[in-house]
Every structure is written in structure tokens, then in C-alpha cells.
């Protein structure tokens, strides 16, 4: 199946998620007009979410995103891990 969702992050930027999934996330794209520095952190986040169960909770997704952000010592501008998780969950409906 394919899913898509977008949201305007309160006080932030536009965030969109494209996802191919079955019982697991097969492919995910995180898009929008937000910024992540360093930029390669975005690909690492997408890679860390590929293969997780589609039924994963938002809090489990937040933990994965936060772990990658911490590993890269990244800065998210106009988006946050909770917004990413919530938008992913919307795309999976």
C-alpha cells in the first residue's frame, strides 16, 4: 500500500510523508520546507524507519528519530520528532 500525509507544524514548517508499506514500512520519504543540519541526518532517519512495523506507536517512532538526531548531533529547524511521528502515523492510515 501507499500512504501520504502532510501537516503544517505549529510554529514551524510544512512536513510531508510518503510511505510504501504492508505490515512493515518498505520505503519512506520525509519531505517539506523544514531544515535538518547536517542534511545526511534525514537519510539516516528514513533508513532507520525502513523495516519497522507499520503498527509501531508514535512514541516508538519518536524514539528512533531522536536516536538518529542525537547520533548526528543534528538540529531540526521547523520540525520535530513528534511531528514526524504523527505525520507518519497519518500516512499509514
Protein backbone atom coordinates (compact mmCIF):
# COMPACT_ATOMS: atom_id res chain seq x y z
CA UNK A 1 0.00 0.00 0.00
CA UNK A 2 0.98 3.60 -0.41
CA UNK A 3 0.29 6.40 2.02
CA UNK A 4 0.73 10.14 2.07
CA UNK A 5 0.14 12.75 4.74
CA UNK A 6 1.20 16.32 5.33
CA UNK A 7 0.93 18.78 8.14
CA UNK A 8 1.89 22.32 8.96
CA UNK A 9 3.94 22.00 12.11
CA UNK A 10 2.59 24.50 14.67
CA UNK A 11 5.07 27.38 14.72
CA UNK A 12 7.11 25.57 12.10
CA UNK A 13 7.19 24.45 8.51
CA UNK A 14 5.36 22.12 6.13
CA UNK A 15 6.07 18.41 6.61
CA UNK A 16 5.02 15.64 4.22
CA UNK A 17 5.48 11.88 4.39
CA UNK A 18 5.29 9.39 1.51
CA UNK A 19 5.33 5.76 2.54
CA UNK A 20 5.09 2.35 0.88
CA UNK A 21 4.07 -0.30 3.39
CA UNK A 22 2.47 -3.65 4.10
CA UNK A 23 2.88 -4.93 7.66
CA UNK A 24 6.20 -3.03 7.68
CA UNK A 25 7.40 0.23 6.21
CA UNK A 26 9.07 -0.70 2.92
CA UNK A 27 10.05 2.82 1.83
CA UNK A 28 9.64 6.23 3.41
CA UNK A 29 10.31 9.75 2.20
CA UNK A 30 10.28 12.71 4.58
CA UNK A 31 9.70 15.93 2.65
CA UNK A 32 8.88 19.55 3.34
CA UNK A 33 10.24 23.03 3.69
CA UNK A 34 11.94 22.40 7.05
CA UNK A 35 15.70 22.13 7.61
CA UNK A 36 17.87 19.42 9.15
CA UNK A 37 21.55 20.05 9.71
CA UNK A 38 23.58 18.08 8.86
CA UNK A 39 21.50 17.14 5.82
CA UNK A 40 22.61 13.48 5.76
CA UNK A 41 20.70 13.02 9.01
CA UNK A 42 17.45 12.99 7.02
CA UNK A 43 18.54 9.94 5.00
CA UNK A 44 19.65 8.24 8.21
CA UNK A 45 16.21 8.87 9.76
CA UNK A 46 14.49 7.41 6.68
CA UNK A 47 16.81 4.38 6.76
CA UNK A 48 16.15 3.80 10.47
CA UNK A 49 12.40 3.80 9.87
CA UNK A 50 12.52 1.46 6.87
CA UNK A 51 11.57 -2.02 8.02
CA UNK A 52 9.78 -1.08 11.23
CA UNK A 53 6.30 -2.46 11.81
CA UNK A 54 3.55 -0.30 10.35
CA UNK A 55 1.72 -0.75 13.65
CA UNK A 56 4.57 0.90 15.61
CA UNK A 57 3.36 3.55 18.00
CA UNK A 58 4.13 7.24 17.58
CA UNK A 59 6.31 7.07 20.69
CA UNK A 60 8.37 4.23 19.17
CA UNK A 61 8.88 6.33 16.03
CA UNK A 62 9.86 9.37 18.13
CA UNK A 63 12.49 7.23 19.91
CA UNK A 64 14.00 6.12 16.58
CA UNK A 65 14.07 9.67 15.19
CA UNK A 66 15.53 11.08 18.41
CA UNK A 67 18.26 8.41 18.45
CA UNK A 68 19.39 9.38 14.94
CA UNK A 69 19.21 13.10 15.72
CA UNK A 70 21.37 12.51 18.82
CA UNK A 71 23.85 10.33 16.90
CA UNK A 72 24.33 13.08 14.29
CA UNK A 73 24.11 15.88 16.87
CA UNK A 74 21.62 17.30 14.38
CA UNK A 75 19.48 20.39 14.53
CA UNK A 76 15.87 20.23 13.36
CA UNK A 77 14.53 23.60 12.23
CA UNK A 78 10.80 23.98 11.66
CA UNK A 79 10.03 20.35 12.51
CA UNK A 80 10.39 17.99 15.48
CA UNK A 81 10.40 14.26 16.06
CA UNK A 82 6.82 14.21 17.38
CA UNK A 83 5.54 15.95 14.23
CA UNK A 84 7.42 13.43 12.09
CA UNK A 85 5.92 10.52 14.04
CA UNK A 86 2.38 11.94 13.94
CA UNK A 87 2.59 12.54 10.19
CA UNK A 88 3.94 9.03 9.59
CA UNK A 89 1.04 7.56 11.57
CA UNK A 90 -1.40 9.62 9.47
CA UNK A 91 0.23 8.38 6.26
CA UNK A 92 -0.15 4.78 7.44
CA UNK A 93 -3.94 5.02 7.85
